[in-house]
Amino acid sequence: MPIYEYQCETCGLVFETRQKFSDSPLTRCEACHGPVRKMISQTAFALKGSGWYQQGYSEKVEKPACASAAKDSACSGCPKAANP
């Protein structure tokens, strides 16, 4: 469930609450029961590690058909060498 952040317009209290997407937004402060407004805050979502971006989406590099093609030489069993 997402965590939403609210601020009371009366006492200034900032608090967080877990709510379903289908739940209605809160309208009253936990402390003074004054009106609250939902705040826009940073998400906790972050992509870390090697990830999909570094595994082939960051740049377009054509891979050779076989290992010997990468060394600029043809191998005898390579079908590309037989059919130039």
N, C-alpha and C. Protein backbone atom coordinates (compact mmCIF):
# COMPACT_ATOMS: atom_id res chain seq x y z
N MET A 1 0.83 -1.18 0.00
CA MET A 1 0.00 0.00 0.00
C MET A 1 0.88 1.25 0.00
N PRO A 2 0.46 2.26 -0.73
CA PRO A 2 1.23 3.50 -0.76
C PRO A 2 1.14 4.27 0.56
N ILE A 3 2.16 5.06 0.80
CA ILE A 3 2.18 5.93 1.97
C ILE A 3 1.96 7.35 1.48
N TYR A 4 0.96 8.01 2.05
CA TYR A 4 0.64 9.39 1.69
C TYR A 4 1.01 10.32 2.83
N GLU A 5 1.38 11.54 2.47
CA GLU A 5 1.78 12.53 3.45
C GLU A 5 0.74 13.66 3.46
N TYR A 6 0.33 14.05 4.66
CA TYR A 6 -0.68 15.10 4.83
C TYR A 6 -0.12 16.18 5.75
N GLN A 7 -0.65 17.41 5.60
CA GLN A 7 -0.29 18.51 6.50
C GLN A 7 -1.57 19.17 6.98
N CYS A 8 -1.63 19.40 8.29
CA CYS A 8 -2.79 20.05 8.90
C CYS A 8 -2.72 21.55 8.63
N GLU A 9 -3.82 22.14 8.22
CA GLU A 9 -3.87 23.58 7.94
C GLU A 9 -4.02 24.39 9.23
N THR A 10 -4.42 23.74 10.34
CA THR A 10 -4.61 24.44 11.60
C THR A 10 -3.35 24.44 12.45
N CYS A 11 -2.83 23.22 12.75
CA CYS A 11 -1.67 23.14 13.65
C CYS A 11 -0.34 22.94 12.92
N GLY A 12 -0.37 22.67 11.61
CA GLY A 12 0.86 22.51 10.84
C GLY A 12 1.49 21.14 10.94
N LEU A 13 0.86 20.20 11.66
CA LEU A 13 1.40 18.85 11.81
C LEU A 13 1.50 18.16 10.46
N VAL A 14 2.65 17.55 10.19
CA VAL A 14 2.85 16.76 8.98
C VAL A 14 2.90 15.31 9.41
N PHE A 15 2.06 14.46 8.79
CA PHE A 15 2.02 13.05 9.16
C PHE A 15 1.83 12.20 7.91
N GLU A 16 2.18 10.92 8.05
CA GLU A 16 2.06 9.96 6.96
C GLU A 16 1.04 8.91 7.33
N THR A 17 0.39 8.36 6.32
CA THR A 17 -0.55 7.27 6.54
C THR A 17 -0.53 6.34 5.33
N ARG A 18 -0.74 5.05 5.59
CA ARG A 18 -0.83 4.07 4.52
C ARG A 18 -2.29 3.96 4.11
N GLN A 19 -2.52 4.06 2.81
CA GLN A 19 -3.87 3.97 2.29
C GLN A 19 -3.88 3.19 1.00
N LYS A 20 -4.99 2.52 0.74
CA LYS A 20 -5.19 1.87 -0.55
C LYS A 20 -5.46 2.95 -1.59
N PHE A 21 -5.26 2.61 -2.85
CA PHE A 21 -5.59 3.55 -3.91
C PHE A 21 -7.08 3.87 -3.91
N SER A 22 -7.88 2.91 -3.51
CA SER A 22 -9.33 3.09 -3.52
C SER A 22 -9.86 3.86 -2.31
N ASP A 23 -9.04 4.07 -1.26
CA ASP A 23 -9.47 4.81 -0.08
C ASP A 23 -9.63 6.29 -0.40
N SER A 24 -10.59 6.92 0.29
CA SER A 24 -10.78 8.37 0.16
C SER A 24 -9.66 9.09 0.90
N PRO A 25 -9.25 10.27 0.43
CA PRO A 25 -8.21 11.03 1.13
C PRO A 25 -8.70 11.43 2.53
N LEU A 26 -7.75 11.58 3.46
CA LEU A 26 -8.11 12.01 4.81
C LEU A 26 -8.56 13.47 4.76
N THR A 27 -9.42 13.84 5.70
CA THR A 27 -9.94 15.22 5.74
C THR A 27 -9.64 15.90 7.06
N ARG A 28 -9.31 15.15 8.12
CA ARG A 28 -9.10 15.71 9.45
C ARG A 28 -7.74 15.29 10.02
N CYS A 29 -7.14 16.20 10.80
CA CYS A 29 -5.86 15.99 11.45
C CYS A 29 -6.00 14.97 12.58
N GLU A 30 -4.96 14.15 12.76
CA GLU A 30 -4.95 13.16 13.83
C GLU A 30 -4.91 13.82 15.21
N ALA A 31 -4.24 14.97 15.32
CA ALA A 31 -4.02 15.62 16.62
C ALA A 31 -5.13 16.61 16.99
N CYS A 32 -5.41 17.57 16.10
CA CYS A 32 -6.35 18.64 16.47
C CYS A 32 -7.68 18.56 15.73
N HIS A 33 -7.80 17.62 14.81
CA HIS A 33 -9.01 17.41 14.00
C HIS A 33 -9.31 18.58 13.06
N GLY A 34 -8.29 19.38 12.76
CA GLY A 34 -8.42 20.46 11.78
C GLY A 34 -8.37 19.89 10.37
N PRO A 35 -8.66 20.71 9.36
CA PRO A 35 -8.62 20.24 7.97
C PRO A 35 -7.17 19.96 7.51
N VAL A 36 -7.01 18.94 6.69
CA VAL A 36 -5.68 18.58 6.18
C VAL A 36 -5.69 18.63 4.66
N ARG A 37 -4.49 18.75 4.11
CA ARG A 37 -4.33 18.67 2.66
C ARG A 37 -3.26 17.64 2.35
N LYS A 38 -3.47 16.91 1.27
CA LYS A 38 -2.50 15.89 0.85
C LYS A 38 -1.32 16.59 0.21
N MET A 39 -0.13 16.21 0.61
CA MET A 39 1.09 16.82 0.09
C MET A 39 1.65 15.96 -1.04
N ILE A 40 2.38 16.59 -1.93
CA ILE A 40 3.11 15.87 -2.97
C ILE A 40 4.53 15.72 -2.45
N SER A 41 4.96 14.48 -2.29
CA SER A 41 6.29 14.24 -1.74
C SER A 41 7.07 13.31 -2.65
N GLN A 42 8.37 13.20 -2.38
CA GLN A 42 9.23 12.33 -3.18
C GLN A 42 8.86 10.89 -2.97
N THR A 43 9.02 10.11 -4.01
CA THR A 43 8.75 8.69 -3.90
C THR A 43 9.98 7.97 -3.37
N ALA A 44 9.78 6.79 -2.87
CA ALA A 44 10.88 5.98 -2.37
C ALA A 44 11.38 5.02 -3.44
N PHE A 45 10.90 5.15 -4.65
CA PHE A 45 11.26 4.25 -5.74
C PHE A 45 12.60 4.66 -6.34
N ALA A 46 13.52 3.71 -6.42
CA ALA A 46 14.83 4.01 -7.02
C ALA A 46 15.34 2.76 -7.73
N LEU A 47 15.91 2.95 -8.90
CA LEU A 47 16.54 1.86 -9.63
C LEU A 47 18.01 1.83 -9.25
N LYS A 48 18.45 0.72 -8.67
CA LYS A 48 19.84 0.61 -8.26
C LYS A 48 20.46 -0.64 -8.87
N GLY A 49 21.76 -0.68 -8.90
CA GLY A 49 22.45 -1.86 -9.41
C GLY A 49 22.67 -1.77 -10.92
N SER A 50 23.02 -2.91 -11.51
CA SER A 50 23.32 -2.92 -12.94
C SER A 50 22.08 -2.64 -13.76
N GLY A 51 20.94 -3.16 -13.38
CA GLY A 51 19.65 -2.81 -13.97
C GLY A 51 19.53 -3.03 -15.46
N TRP A 52 18.34 -2.78 -15.99
CA TRP A 52 18.07 -2.99 -17.40
C TRP A 52 18.75 -1.95 -18.28
N TYR A 53 18.96 -0.75 -17.80
CA TYR A 53 19.52 0.30 -18.63
C TYR A 53 20.95 -0.03 -19.05
N GLN A 54 21.72 -0.56 -18.13
CA GLN A 54 23.12 -0.88 -18.43
C GLN A 54 23.26 -2.21 -19.15
N GLN A 55 22.17 -2.94 -19.30
CA GLN A 55 22.24 -4.25 -19.94
C GLN A 55 21.75 -4.23 -21.38
N GLY A 56 21.94 -3.14 -22.08
CA GLY A 56 21.64 -3.15 -23.49
C GLY A 56 20.77 -2.03 -23.99
N TYR A 57 20.21 -1.21 -23.13
CA TYR A 57 19.34 -0.15 -23.59
C TYR A 57 20.03 1.21 -23.62
N SER A 58 21.23 1.30 -23.05
CA SER A 58 21.88 2.59 -22.97
C SER A 58 22.51 3.02 -24.30
N GLU A 59 22.91 2.10 -25.12
CA GLU A 59 23.50 2.46 -26.40
C GLU A 59 23.27 1.34 -27.40
N LYS A 60 23.28 1.70 -28.67
CA LYS A 60 23.05 0.73 -29.73
C LYS A 60 24.40 0.20 -30.22
N VAL A 61 24.70 -1.04 -29.88
CA VAL A 61 25.93 -1.67 -30.33
C VAL A 61 25.54 -3.00 -30.97
N GLU A 62 25.93 -3.16 -32.24
CA GLU A 62 25.62 -4.41 -32.91
C GLU A 62 26.60 -5.48 -32.46
N LYS A 63 26.06 -6.64 -32.11
CA LYS A 63 26.88 -7.75 -31.67
C LYS A 63 27.27 -8.60 -32.87
N PRO A 64 28.48 -9.14 -32.90
CA PRO A 64 28.91 -9.97 -34.02
C PRO A 64 28.14 -11.30 -34.04
N ALA A 65 28.07 -11.92 -35.25
CA ALA A 65 27.34 -13.17 -35.41
C ALA A 65 28.01 -14.32 -34.66
N CYS A 66 29.33 -14.31 -34.55
CA CYS A 66 30.03 -15.35 -33.80
C CYS A 66 31.27 -14.74 -33.14
N ALA A 67 31.91 -15.51 -32.28
CA ALA A 67 33.05 -15.00 -31.52
C ALA A 67 34.22 -14.63 -32.42
N SER A 68 34.46 -15.38 -33.48
CA SER A 68 35.60 -15.08 -34.34
C SER A 68 35.35 -13.83 -35.18
N ALA A 69 34.11 -13.49 -35.46
CA ALA A 69 33.81 -12.29 -36.23
C ALA A 69 34.19 -11.04 -35.44
N ALA A 70 34.19 -11.15 -34.12
CA ALA A 70 34.56 -10.02 -33.29
C ALA A 70 36.06 -9.73 -33.40
N LYS A 71 36.83 -10.75 -33.80
CA LYS A 71 38.29 -10.60 -33.92
C LYS A 71 38.71 -10.31 -35.36
N ASP A 72 37.76 -9.98 -36.21
CA ASP A 72 38.02 -9.69 -37.63
C ASP A 72 38.65 -10.87 -38.37
N SER A 73 38.28 -12.07 -38.00
CA SER A 73 38.73 -13.25 -38.74
C SER A 73 37.57 -14.22 -38.83
N ALA A 74 37.54 -15.03 -39.86
CA ALA A 74 36.44 -15.98 -40.05
C ALA A 74 36.85 -17.36 -39.57
N CYS A 75 35.86 -18.09 -39.08
CA CYS A 75 36.14 -19.47 -38.68
C CYS A 75 35.62 -20.41 -39.76
N SER A 76 36.18 -21.59 -39.83
CA SER A 76 35.80 -22.52 -40.91
C SER A 76 34.37 -23.02 -40.75
N GLY A 77 33.85 -23.09 -39.52
CA GLY A 77 32.50 -23.60 -39.30
C GLY A 77 31.45 -22.51 -39.32
N CYS A 78 31.84 -21.29 -39.61
CA CYS A 78 30.90 -20.17 -39.56
C CYS A 78 30.06 -20.14 -40.83
N PRO A 79 28.73 -20.15 -40.70
CA PRO A 79 27.89 -20.10 -41.91
C PRO A 79 28.03 -18.76 -42.64
N LYS A 80 28.39 -17.71 -41.95
CA LYS A 80 28.58 -16.41 -42.61
C LYS A 80 29.82 -16.43 -43.51
N ALA A 81 30.86 -17.21 -43.13
CA ALA A 81 32.07 -17.29 -43.95
C ALA A 81 31.80 -18.05 -45.24
N ALA A 82 30.89 -19.04 -45.21
CA ALA A 82 30.57 -19.82 -46.39
C ALA A 82 29.69 -19.05 -47.36
N ASN A 83 28.87 -18.15 -46.82
CA ASN A 83 27.95 -17.36 -47.66
C ASN A 83 28.24 -15.87 -47.48
N PRO A 84 29.23 -15.35 -48.19
CA PRO A 84 29.58 -13.93 -48.01
C PRO A 84 28.54 -12.99 -48.57
